[in-house]
Amino acid sequence: MLTQHGFDCFLYDLNPYKTYNQQQEIMRIRYRLGQGETAEFLESQVRGEGLRGQLVELENLLGEKVRELGRLIGDELNLSR
């Protein structure tokens, strides 16, 4: 879906988390077919868990900042009345 700027469809395709999940799935399939090394597979799993942890932390921080912004805007709106 294109927005007024026409960039959303491109940003979605470049989503690093989506791309990473696709890479992980390819790695799993290769490993199951005997085409990947155990150490490489395990390392990718550990790296994935770390990235998922970072994503959760960033989502929490974003939520905090949005709530803080909402409070600031709400306070400013109340002062201007």
Protein backbone atom coordinates (compact mmCIF):
# COMPACT_ATOMS: atom_id res chain seq x y z
CA MET A 1 0.00 0.00 0.00
CA LEU A 2 1.39 3.40 -0.97
CA THR A 3 0.97 6.39 1.28
CA GLN A 4 1.02 10.04 0.38
CA HIS A 5 4.83 9.82 0.27
CA GLY A 6 4.90 6.45 -1.47
CA PHE A 7 7.60 5.00 0.78
CA ASP A 8 5.78 2.57 3.07
CA CYS A 9 5.87 -0.33 0.63
CA PHE A 10 9.63 0.04 0.26
CA LEU A 11 10.26 0.39 3.98
CA TYR A 12 8.29 -2.78 4.65
CA ASP A 13 10.40 -4.75 2.20
CA LEU A 14 13.59 -3.50 3.85
CA ASN A 15 12.44 -4.35 7.37
CA PRO A 16 15.58 -5.85 8.95
CA TYR A 17 13.59 -8.07 11.32
CA LYS A 18 11.59 -9.57 8.45
CA THR A 19 14.78 -10.09 6.45
CA TYR A 20 16.50 -11.66 9.45
CA ASN A 21 13.62 -14.08 10.00
CA GLN A 22 13.82 -15.12 6.36
CA GLN A 23 17.56 -15.71 6.68
CA GLN A 24 16.98 -17.76 9.83
CA GLU A 25 14.42 -19.93 8.08
CA ILE A 26 16.81 -20.55 5.19
CA MET A 27 19.52 -21.46 7.72
CA ARG A 28 17.17 -23.92 9.47
CA ILE A 29 16.22 -25.59 6.18
CA ARG A 30 19.85 -25.88 5.08
CA TYR A 31 20.77 -27.36 8.45
CA ARG A 32 17.96 -29.92 8.28
CA LEU A 33 19.13 -30.92 4.81
CA GLY A 34 22.67 -31.44 6.11
CA GLN A 35 24.09 -28.40 4.34
CA GLY A 36 24.97 -26.35 7.41
CA GLU A 37 27.43 -26.66 10.26
CA THR A 38 26.11 -27.21 13.79
CA ALA A 39 28.26 -24.41 15.23
CA GLU A 40 27.06 -21.99 12.55
CA PHE A 41 23.44 -22.92 13.19
CA LEU A 42 23.74 -22.57 16.97
CA GLU A 43 25.56 -19.26 16.63
CA SER A 44 22.78 -17.91 14.45
CA GLN A 45 20.20 -19.01 17.03
CA VAL A 46 22.06 -17.23 19.84
CA ARG A 47 22.44 -14.12 17.70
CA GLY A 48 18.71 -14.26 16.92
CA GLU A 49 17.78 -14.42 20.59
CA GLY A 50 19.98 -11.40 21.26
CA LEU A 51 18.33 -9.46 18.46
CA ARG A 52 14.86 -10.39 19.70
CA GLY A 53 15.84 -9.17 23.17
CA GLN A 54 17.05 -5.87 21.74
CA LEU A 55 13.81 -5.52 19.79
CA VAL A 56 11.74 -6.00 22.95
CA GLU A 57 13.85 -3.41 24.78
CA LEU A 58 13.45 -0.91 21.95
CA GLU A 59 9.70 -1.50 21.74
CA ASN A 60 9.43 -0.89 25.51
CA LEU A 61 11.49 2.30 25.22
CA LEU A 62 9.34 3.48 22.32
CA GLY A 63 6.20 2.86 24.39
CA GLU A 64 7.65 4.86 27.29
CA LYS A 65 8.57 7.77 25.02
CA VAL A 66 5.14 7.78 23.37
CA ARG A 67 3.46 7.87 26.80
CA GLU A 68 5.82 10.64 27.93
CA LEU A 69 5.06 12.63 24.79
CA GLY A 70 1.34 12.10 25.37
CA ARG A 71 1.68 13.46 28.91
CA LEU A 72 3.65 16.48 27.70
CA ILE A 73 1.17 17.25 24.95
CA GLY A 74 -1.72 16.71 27.34
CA ASP A 75 -0.15 19.06 29.91
CA GLU A 76 0.42 21.70 27.24
CA LEU A 77 -3.15 21.40 25.98
CA ASN A 78 -4.46 21.77 29.53
CA LEU A 79 -2.32 24.89 30.10
CA SER A 80 -3.56 26.56 26.92
CA ARG A 81 -7.24 26.26 27.91
